[in-house]
Amino acid sequence: MGFMAFVYDATKTMANNGSLSITSLGGHWLSLHEQSYKFVEDRISTGLHPLVWDPVFSSALMLPAWLALGLIGSWLYWVGRKRKRIEIFMN
């Protein structure tokens, strides 16, 4: 998904005659399904605390989509990797 977001931004940049275009994670979410974005924003702001939404979630959603999704994908790859088997021999 991170690579797809990178290709989307690269294509958009080339279409704008080289003018750099970076879409945030929140921007993609708003363009795909605005109702769920507003629902989650409302639930976090009223359910938890308004300060949880504004500095924490809104700043995370301002990251470039390719960076955020790439970091999540890298973390999932690292967590799911095959561990090296450690053999312990005892006499």
PDB file of N, CA and C in Angstrom:
ATOM      1  N   MET A   1       0.826  -1.196   0.000  1.00  0.00           N
ATOM      2  CA  MET A   1       0.000   0.000   0.000  1.00  0.00           C
ATOM      3  C   MET A   1       0.866   1.254   0.000  1.00  0.00           C
ATOM      4  N   GLY A   2       1.987   1.190   0.716  1.00  0.00           N
ATOM      5  CA  GLY A   2       2.888   2.331   0.730  1.00  0.00           C
ATOM      6  C   GLY A   2       3.457   2.622  -0.647  1.00  0.00           C
ATOM      7  N   PHE A   3       3.803   1.559  -1.375  1.00  0.00           N
ATOM      8  CA  PHE A   3       4.329   1.735  -2.730  1.00  0.00           C
ATOM      9  C   PHE A   3       3.256   2.292  -3.657  1.00  0.00           C
ATOM     10  N   MET A   4       2.024   1.834  -3.486  1.00  0.00           N
ATOM     11  CA  MET A   4       0.931   2.353  -4.304  1.00  0.00           C
ATOM     12  C   MET A   4       0.714   3.841  -4.037  1.00  0.00           C
ATOM     13  N   ALA A   5       0.800   4.250  -2.780  1.00  0.00           N
ATOM     14  CA  ALA A   5       0.655   5.671  -2.446  1.00  0.00           C
ATOM     15  C   ALA A   5       1.812   6.480  -3.022  1.00  0.00           C
ATOM     16  N   PHE A   6       3.014   5.888  -3.030  1.00  0.00           N
ATOM     17  CA  PHE A   6       4.166   6.570  -3.620  1.00  0.00           C
ATOM     18  C   PHE A   6       3.987   6.761  -5.122  1.00  0.00           C
ATOM     19  N   VAL A   7       3.512   5.731  -5.804  1.00  0.00           N
ATOM     20  CA  VAL A   7       3.269   5.819  -7.245  1.00  0.00           C
ATOM     21  C   VAL A   7       2.176   6.848  -7.528  1.00  0.00           C
ATOM     22  N   TYR A   8       1.152   6.888  -6.692  1.00  0.00           N
ATOM     23  CA  TYR A   8       0.076   7.876  -6.857  1.00  0.00           C
ATOM     24  C   TYR A   8       0.639   9.296  -6.770  1.00  0.00           C
ATOM     25  N   ASP A   9       1.470   9.556  -5.759  1.00  0.00           N
ATOM     26  CA  ASP A   9       2.054  10.889  -5.611  1.00  0.00           C
ATOM     27  C   ASP A   9       3.025  11.212  -6.743  1.00  0.00           C
ATOM     28  N   ALA A  10       3.795  10.210  -7.190  1.00  0.00           N
ATOM     29  CA  ALA A  10       4.733  10.443  -8.293  1.00  0.00           C
ATOM     30  C   ALA A  10       3.983  10.757  -9.586  1.00  0.00           C
ATOM     31  N   THR A  11       2.906  10.049  -9.837  1.00  0.00           N
ATOM     32  CA  THR A  11       2.101  10.300 -11.030  1.00  0.00           C
ATOM     33  C   THR A  11       1.462  11.680 -10.976  1.00  0.00           C
ATOM     34  N   LYS A  12       0.976  12.047  -9.804  1.00  0.00           N
ATOM     35  CA  LYS A  12       0.359  13.360  -9.630  1.00  0.00           C
ATOM     36  C   LYS A  12       1.404  14.468  -9.815  1.00  0.00           C
ATOM     37  N   THR A  13       2.630  14.228  -9.353  1.00  0.00           N
ATOM     38  CA  THR A  13       3.707  15.202  -9.518  1.00  0.00           C
ATOM     39  C   THR A  13       4.059  15.374 -10.993  1.00  0.00           C
ATOM     40  N   MET A  14       4.146  14.258 -11.730  1.00  0.00           N
ATOM     41  CA  MET A  14       4.463  14.350 -13.159  1.00  0.00           C
ATOM     42  C   MET A  14       3.336  15.027 -13.932  1.00  0.00           C
ATOM     43  N   ALA A  15       2.101  14.821 -13.513  1.00  0.00           N
ATOM     44  CA  ALA A  15       0.970  15.445 -14.200  1.00  0.00           C
ATOM     45  C   ALA A  15       0.924  16.952 -13.962  1.00  0.00           C
ATOM     46  N   ASN A  16       1.508  17.401 -12.845  1.00  0.00           N
ATOM     47  CA  ASN A  16       1.520  18.831 -12.514  1.00  0.00           C
ATOM     48  C   ASN A  16       2.805  19.512 -12.988  1.00  0.00           C
ATOM     49  N   ASN A  17       3.416  18.977 -14.043  1.00  0.00           N
ATOM     50  CA  ASN A  17       4.632  19.547 -14.630  1.00  0.00           C
ATOM     51  C   ASN A  17       5.778  19.657 -13.625  1.00  0.00           C
ATOM     52  N   GLY A  18       5.937  18.641 -12.792  1.00  0.00           N
ATOM     53  CA  GLY A  18       7.053  18.594 -11.856  1.00  0.00           C
ATOM     54  C   GLY A  18       6.808  19.284 -10.540  1.00  0.00           C
ATOM     55  N   SER A  19       5.656  19.866 -10.345  1.00  0.00           N
ATOM     56  CA  SER A  19       5.326  20.490  -9.069  1.00  0.00           C
ATOM     57  C   SER A  19       5.068  19.385  -8.048  1.00  0.00           C
ATOM     58  N   LEU A  20       5.854  19.378  -6.979  1.00  0.00           N
ATOM     59  CA  LEU A  20       5.790  18.304  -5.991  1.00  0.00           C
ATOM     60  C   LEU A  20       4.406  18.208  -5.365  1.00  0.00           C
ATOM     61  N   SER A  21       3.866  17.011  -5.375  1.00  0.00           N
ATOM     62  CA  SER A  21       2.535  16.764  -4.822  1.00  0.00           C
ATOM     63  C   SER A  21       2.617  15.573  -3.872  1.00  0.00           C
ATOM     64  N   ILE A  22       2.386  15.838  -2.602  1.00  0.00           N
ATOM     65  CA  ILE A  22       2.423  14.776  -1.597  1.00  0.00           C
ATOM     66  C   ILE A  22       1.064  14.748  -0.915  1.00  0.00           C
ATOM     67  N   THR A  23       0.439  13.572  -0.920  1.00  0.00           N
ATOM     68  CA  THR A  23      -0.875  13.407  -0.309  1.00  0.00           C
ATOM     69  C   THR A  23      -0.700  12.786   1.078  1.00  0.00           C
ATOM     70  N   SER A  24      -1.352  13.384   2.052  1.00  0.00           N
ATOM     71  CA  SER A  24      -1.240  12.870   3.415  1.00  0.00           C
ATOM     72  C   SER A  24      -2.141  11.651   3.590  1.00  0.00           C
ATOM     73  N   LEU A  25      -1.895  10.936   4.664  1.00  0.00           N
ATOM     74  CA  LEU A  25      -2.710   9.773   4.981  1.00  0.00           C
ATOM     75  C   LEU A  25      -4.163  10.181   5.219  1.00  0.00           C
ATOM     76  N   GLY A  26      -4.351  11.290   5.922  1.00  0.00           N
ATOM     77  CA  GLY A  26      -5.697  11.801   6.141  1.00  0.00           C
ATOM     78  C   GLY A  26      -6.359  12.276   4.861  1.00  0.00           C
ATOM     79  N   GLY A  27      -5.569  12.813   3.944  1.00  0.00           N
ATOM     80  CA  GLY A  27      -6.110  13.243   2.657  1.00  0.00           C
ATOM     81  C   GLY A  27      -6.646  12.085   1.844  1.00  0.00           C
ATOM     82  N   HIS A  28      -5.905  10.976   1.856  1.00  0.00           N
ATOM     83  CA  HIS A  28      -6.394   9.776   1.167  1.00  0.00           C
ATOM     84  C   HIS A  28      -7.662   9.254   1.827  1.00  0.00           C
ATOM     85  N   TRP A  29      -7.661   9.254   3.159  1.00  0.00           N
ATOM     86  CA  TRP A  29      -8.824   8.748   3.884  1.00  0.00           C
ATOM     87  C   TRP A  29     -10.048   9.604   3.595  1.00  0.00           C
ATOM     88  N   LEU A  30      -9.866  10.916   3.604  1.00  0.00           N
ATOM     89  CA  LEU A  30     -10.994  11.809   3.306  1.00  0.00           C
ATOM     90  C   LEU A  30     -11.513  11.619   1.887  1.00  0.00           C
ATOM     91  N   SER A  31     -10.614  11.417   0.934  1.00  0.00           N
ATOM     92  CA  SER A  31     -11.067  11.253  -0.447  1.00  0.00           C
ATOM     93  C   SER A  31     -11.723   9.897  -0.681  1.00  0.00           C
ATOM     94  N   LEU A  32     -11.324   8.888   0.080  1.00  0.00           N
ATOM     95  CA  LEU A  32     -11.915   7.565  -0.095  1.00  0.00           C
ATOM     96  C   LEU A  32     -13.256   7.414   0.623  1.00  0.00           C
ATOM     97  N   HIS A  33     -13.327   7.876   1.876  1.00  0.00           N
ATOM     98  CA  HIS A  33     -14.569   7.697   2.632  1.00  0.00           C
ATOM     99  C   HIS A  33     -14.644   8.756   3.729  1.00  0.00           C
ATOM    100  N   GLU A  34     -15.215   9.898   3.385  1.00  0.00           N
ATOM    101  CA  GLU A  34     -15.268  11.029   4.302  1.00  0.00           C
ATOM    102  C   GLU A  34     -16.126  10.750   5.535  1.00  0.00           C
ATOM    103  N   GLN A  35     -17.187   9.964   5.377  1.00  0.00           N
ATOM    104  CA  GLN A  35     -18.078   9.690   6.501  1.00  0.00           C
ATOM    105  C   GLN A  35     -17.376   8.936   7.615  1.00  0.00           C
ATOM    106  N   SER A  36     -16.546   7.957   7.278  1.00  0.00           N
ATOM    107  CA  SER A  36     -15.849   7.200   8.321  1.00  0.00           C
ATOM    108  C   SER A  36     -14.799   8.069   9.009  1.00  0.00           C
ATOM    109  N   TYR A  37     -14.170   8.968   8.252  1.00  0.00           N
ATOM    110  CA  TYR A  37     -13.195   9.891   8.852  1.00  0.00           C
ATOM    111  C   TYR A  37     -13.880  10.769   9.898  1.00  0.00           C
ATOM    112  N   LYS A  38     -15.011  11.351   9.520  1.00  0.00           N
ATOM    113  CA  LYS A  38     -15.753  12.212  10.448  1.00  0.00           C
ATOM    114  C   LYS A  38     -16.260  11.408  11.649  1.00  0.00           C
ATOM    115  N   PHE A  39     -16.690  10.171  11.419  1.00  0.00           N
ATOM    116  CA  PHE A  39     -17.172   9.320  12.500  1.00  0.00           C
ATOM    117  C   PHE A  39     -16.059   9.034  13.502  1.00  0.00           C
ATOM    118  N   VAL A  40     -14.885   8.651  13.010  1.00  0.00           N
ATOM    119  CA  VAL A  40     -13.760   8.345  13.899  1.00  0.00           C
ATOM    120  C   VAL A  40     -13.310   9.609  14.627  1.00  0.00           C
ATOM    121  N   GLU A  41     -13.272  10.726  13.929  1.00  0.00           N
ATOM    122  CA  GLU A  41     -12.892  11.989  14.572  1.00  0.00           C
ATOM    123  C   GLU A  41     -13.862  12.338  15.696  1.00  0.00           C
ATOM    124  N   ASP A  42     -15.147  12.187  15.443  1.00  0.00           N
ATOM    125  CA  ASP A  42     -16.157  12.485  16.450  1.00  0.00           C
ATOM    126  C   ASP A  42     -16.055  11.532  17.636  1.00  0.00           C
ATOM    127  N   ARG A  43     -15.895  10.245  17.361  1.00  0.00           N
ATOM    128  CA  ARG A  43     -15.810   9.249  18.442  1.00  0.00           C
ATOM    129  C   ARG A  43     -14.593   9.462  19.329  1.00  0.00           C
ATOM    130  N   ILE A  44     -13.457   9.776  18.734  1.00  0.00           N
ATOM    131  CA  ILE A  44     -12.252   9.978  19.537  1.00  0.00           C
ATOM    132  C   ILE A  44     -12.338  11.284  20.304  1.00  0.00           C
ATOM    133  N   SER A  45     -12.850  12.328  19.661  1.00  0.00           N
ATOM    134  CA  SER A  45     -12.944  13.634  20.327  1.00  0.00           C
ATOM    135  C   SER A  45     -13.922  13.612  21.490  1.00  0.00           C
ATOM    136  N   THR A  46     -15.071  12.967  21.315  1.00  0.00           N
ATOM    137  CA  THR A  46     -16.069  12.951  22.383  1.00  0.00           C
ATOM    138  C   THR A  46     -15.899  11.761  23.319  1.00  0.00           C
ATOM    139  N   GLY A  47     -15.472  10.641  22.790  1.00  0.00           N
ATOM    140  CA  GLY A  47     -15.349   9.438  23.608  1.00  0.00           C
ATOM    141  C   GLY A  47     -14.142   9.435  24.523  1.00  0.00           C
ATOM    142  N   LEU A  48     -12.994   9.827  23.998  1.00  0.00           N
ATOM    143  CA  LEU A  48     -11.781   9.837  24.809  1.00  0.00           C
ATOM    144  C   LEU A  48     -11.527  11.228  25.372  1.00  0.00           C
ATOM    145  N   HIS A  49     -10.997  12.091  24.520  1.00  0.00           N
ATOM    146  CA  HIS A  49     -10.719  13.476  24.911  1.00  0.00           C
ATOM    147  C   HIS A  49     -10.351  14.242  23.646  1.00  0.00           C
ATOM    148  N   PRO A  50     -10.737  15.514  23.549  1.00  0.00           N
ATOM    149  CA  PRO A  50     -10.399  16.282  22.344  1.00  0.00           C
ATOM    150  C   PRO A  50      -8.893  16.396  22.098  1.00  0.00           C
ATOM    151  N   LEU A  51      -8.090  16.385  23.164  1.00  0.00           N
ATOM    152  CA  LEU A  51      -6.642  16.484  22.992  1.00  0.00           C
ATOM    153  C   LEU A  51      -6.033  15.212  22.406  1.00  0.00           C
ATOM    154  N   VAL A  52      -6.733  14.097  22.518  1.00  0.00           N
ATOM    155  CA  VAL A  52      -6.227  12.866  21.915  1.00  0.00           C
ATOM    156  C   VAL A  52      -6.336  12.964  20.397  1.00  0.00           C
ATOM    157  N   TRP A  53      -7.416  13.546  19.902  1.00  0.00           N
ATOM    158  CA  TRP A  53      -7.570  13.657  18.455  1.00  0.00           C
ATOM    159  C   TRP A  53      -6.622  14.705  17.880  1.00  0.00           C
ATOM    160  N   ASP A  54      -6.636  15.906  18.486  1.00  0.00           N
ATOM    161  CA  ASP A  54      -5.933  17.018  17.846  1.00  0.00           C
ATOM    162  C   ASP A  54      -4.417  16.818  17.783  1.00  0.00           C
ATOM    163  N   PRO A  55      -3.687  16.681  18.859  1.00  0.00           N
ATOM    164  CA  PRO A  55      -2.240  16.561  18.631  1.00  0.00           C
ATOM    165  C   PRO A  55      -1.786  15.167  18.192  1.00  0.00           C
ATOM    166  N   VAL A  56      -2.443  14.119  18.667  1.00  0.00           N
ATOM    167  CA  VAL A  56      -1.946  12.768  18.406  1.00  0.00           C
ATOM    168  C   VAL A  56      -2.379  12.266  17.030  1.00  0.00           C
ATOM    169  N   PHE A  57      -3.676  12.062  16.840  1.00  0.00           N
ATOM    170  CA  PHE A  57      -4.163  11.461  15.602  1.00  0.00           C
ATOM    171  C   PHE A  57      -4.053  12.397  14.401  1.00  0.00           C
ATOM    172  N   SER A  58      -4.342  13.668  14.597  1.00  0.00           N
ATOM    173  CA  SER A  58      -4.288  14.582  13.455  1.00  0.00           C
ATOM    174  C   SER A  58      -2.854  14.760  12.953  1.00  0.00           C
ATOM    175  N   SER A  59      -1.880  14.745  13.855  1.00  0.00           N
ATOM    176  CA  SER A  59      -0.491  14.859  13.392  1.00  0.00           C
ATOM    177  C   SER A  59      -0.040  13.578  12.692  1.00  0.00           C
ATOM    178  N   ALA A  60      -0.527  12.421  13.135  1.00  0.00           N
ATOM    179  CA  ALA A  60      -0.193  11.168  12.450  1.00  0.00           C
ATOM    180  C   ALA A  60      -0.838  11.119  11.068  1.00  0.00           C
ATOM    181  N   LEU A  61      -2.024  11.683  10.929  1.00  0.00           N
ATOM    182  CA  LEU A  61      -2.707  11.686   9.642  1.00  0.00           C
ATOM    183  C   LEU A  61      -2.135  12.724   8.681  1.00  0.00           C
ATOM    184  N   MET A  62      -1.281  13.610   9.159  1.00  0.00           N
ATOM    185  CA  MET A  62      -0.641  14.594   8.289  1.00  0.00           C
ATOM    186  C   MET A  62       0.623  14.041   7.626  1.00  0.00           C
ATOM    187  N   LEU A  63       1.081  12.869   8.056  1.00  0.00           N
ATOM    188  CA  LEU A  63       2.247  12.246   7.430  1.00  0.00           C
ATOM    189  C   LEU A  63       1.937  11.887   5.985  1.00  0.00           C
ATOM    190  N   PRO A  64       2.946  11.899   5.121  1.00  0.00           N
ATOM    191  CA  PRO A  64       2.703  11.419   3.756  1.00  0.00           C
ATOM    192  C   PRO A  64       2.230   9.966   3.790  1.00  0.00           C
ATOM    193  N   ALA A  65       1.272   9.654   2.964  1.00  0.00           N
ATOM    194  CA  ALA A  65       0.666   8.320   2.983  1.00  0.00           C
ATOM    195  C   ALA A  65       1.693   7.241   2.687  1.00  0.00           C
ATOM    196  N   TRP A  66       2.601   7.499   1.738  1.00  0.00           N
ATOM    197  CA  TRP A  66       3.590   6.484   1.391  1.00  0.00           C
ATOM    198  C   TRP A  66       4.534   6.216   2.556  1.00  0.00           C
ATOM    199  N   LEU A  67       4.845   7.248   3.341  1.00  0.00           N
ATOM    200  CA  LEU A  67       5.730   7.062   4.490  1.00  0.00           C
ATOM    201  C   LEU A  67       5.027   6.299   5.603  1.00  0.00           C
ATOM    202  N   ALA A  68       3.806   6.712   5.940  1.00  0.00           N
ATOM    203  CA  ALA A  68       3.072   6.058   7.025  1.00  0.00           C
ATOM    204  C   ALA A  68       2.782   4.597   6.699  1.00  0.00           C
ATOM    205  N   LEU A  69       2.295   4.337   5.499  1.00  0.00           N
ATOM    206  CA  LEU A  69       1.979   2.962   5.119  1.00  0.00           C
ATOM    207  C   LEU A  69       3.241   2.131   4.942  1.00  0.00           C
ATOM    208  N   GLY A  70       4.320   2.756   4.479  1.00  0.00           N
ATOM    209  CA  GLY A  70       5.587   2.045   4.358  1.00  0.00           C
ATOM    210  C   GLY A  70       6.152   1.657   5.717  1.00  0.00           C
ATOM    211  N   LEU A  71       6.032   2.547   6.702  1.00  0.00           N
ATOM    212  CA  LEU A  71       6.494   2.220   8.056  1.00  0.00           C
ATOM    213  C   LEU A  71       5.664   1.108   8.675  1.00  0.00           C
ATOM    214  N   ILE A  72       4.353   1.161   8.487  1.00  0.00           N
ATOM    215  CA  ILE A  72       3.485   0.105   9.014  1.00  0.00           C
ATOM    216  C   ILE A  72       3.803  -1.221   8.336  1.00  0.00           C
ATOM    217  N   GLY A  73       3.995  -1.212   7.029  1.00  0.00           N
ATOM    218  CA  GLY A  73       4.327  -2.430   6.304  1.00  0.00           C
ATOM    219  C   GLY A  73       5.677  -2.991   6.712  1.00  0.00           C
ATOM    220  N   SER A  74       6.666  -2.128   6.914  1.00  0.00           N
ATOM    221  CA  SER A  74       7.984  -2.583   7.358  1.00  0.00           C
ATOM    222  C   SER A  74       7.907  -3.195   8.748  1.00  0.00           C
ATOM    223  N   TRP A  75       7.136  -2.566   9.626  1.00  0.00           N
ATOM    224  CA  TRP A  75       6.973  -3.103  10.976  1.00  0.00           C
ATOM    225  C   TRP A  75       6.286  -4.465  10.937  1.00  0.00           C
ATOM    226  N   LEU A  76       5.239  -4.608  10.121  1.00  0.00           N
ATOM    227  CA  LEU A  76       4.556  -5.900  10.003  1.00  0.00           C
ATOM    228  C   LEU A  76       5.473  -6.966   9.417  1.00  0.00           C
ATOM    229  N   TYR A  77       6.315  -6.587   8.458  1.00  0.00           N
ATOM    230  CA  TYR A  77       7.280  -7.533   7.890  1.00  0.00           C
ATOM    231  C   TYR A  77       8.278  -7.982   8.960  1.00  0.00           C
ATOM    232  N   TRP A  78       8.730  -7.029   9.771  1.00  0.00           N
ATOM    233  CA  TRP A  78       9.693  -7.351  10.831  1.00  0.00           C
ATOM    234  C   TRP A  78       9.070  -8.252  11.888  1.00  0.00           C
ATOM    235  N   VAL A  79       7.828  -7.967  12.279  1.00  0.00           N
ATOM    236  CA  VAL A  79       7.150  -8.775  13.295  1.00  0.00           C
ATOM    237  C   VAL A  79       6.881 -10.187  12.776  1.00  0.00           C
ATOM    238  N   GLY A  80       6.541 -10.325  11.504  1.00  0.00           N
ATOM    239  CA  GLY A  80       6.178 -11.626  10.955  1.00  0.00           C
ATOM    240  C   GLY A  80       7.312 -12.415  10.342  1.00  0.00           C
ATOM    241  N   ARG A  81       8.534 -11.916  10.466  1.00  0.00           N
ATOM    242  CA  ARG A  81       9.654 -12.624   9.841  1.00  0.00           C
ATOM    243  C   ARG A  81       9.915 -13.963  10.541  1.00  0.00           C
ATOM    244  N   LYS A  82      10.553 -14.848   9.821  1.00  0.00           N
ATOM    245  CA  LYS A  82      10.883 -16.148  10.379  1.00  0.00           C
ATOM    246  C   LYS A  82      12.102 -15.985  11.281  1.00  0.00           C
ATOM    247  N   ARG A  83      11.943 -16.364  12.515  1.00  0.00           N
ATOM    248  CA  ARG A  83      13.019 -16.203  13.489  1.00  0.00           C
ATOM    249  C   ARG A  83      14.116 -17.235  13.257  1.00  0.00           C
ATOM    250  N   LYS A  84      15.329 -16.849  13.574  1.00  0.00           N
ATOM    251  CA  LYS A  84      16.441 -17.767  13.472  1.00  0.00           C
ATOM    252  C   LYS A  84      16.370 -18.731  14.648  1.00  0.00           C
ATOM    253  N   ARG A  85      16.432 -20.000  14.333  1.00  0.00           N
ATOM    254  CA  ARG A  85      16.310 -21.011  15.381  1.00  0.00           C
ATOM    255  C   ARG A  85      17.616 -21.093  16.151  1.00  0.00           C
ATOM    256  N   ILE A  86      17.500 -21.037  17.455  1.00  0.00           N
ATOM    257  CA  ILE A  86      18.667 -21.130  18.326  1.00  0.00           C
ATOM    258  C   ILE A  86      18.695 -22.533  18.912  1.00  0.00           C
ATOM    259  N   GLU A  87      19.795 -23.227  18.653  1.00  0.00           N
ATOM    260  CA  GLU A  87      19.949 -24.571  19.193  1.00  0.00           C
ATOM    261  C   GLU A  87      20.912 -24.553  20.346  1.00  0.00           C
ATOM    262  N   ILE A  88      20.471 -25.071  21.452  1.00  0.00           N
ATOM    263  CA  ILE A  88      21.294 -25.121  22.652  1.00  0.00           C
ATOM    264  C   ILE A  88      21.556 -26.581  22.962  1.00  0.00           C
ATOM    265  N   PHE A  89      22.819 -26.910  23.031  1.00  0.00           N
ATOM    266  CA  PHE A  89      23.217 -28.282  23.354  1.00  0.00           C
ATOM    267  C   PHE A  89      23.708 -28.337  24.787  1.00  0.00           C
ATOM    268  N   MET A  90      23.132 -29.239  25.535  1.00  0.00           N
ATOM    269  CA  MET A  90      23.541 -29.412  26.919  1.00  0.00           C
ATOM    270  C   MET A  90      23.963 -30.879  27.112  1.00  0.00           C
ATOM    271  N   ASN A  91      25.042 -31.063  27.846  1.00  0.00           N
ATOM    272  CA  ASN A  91      25.510 -32.426  28.147  1.00  0.00           C
ATOM    273  C   ASN A  91      25.097 -32.815  29.537  1.00  0.00           C
TER     274      ASN A  91
END
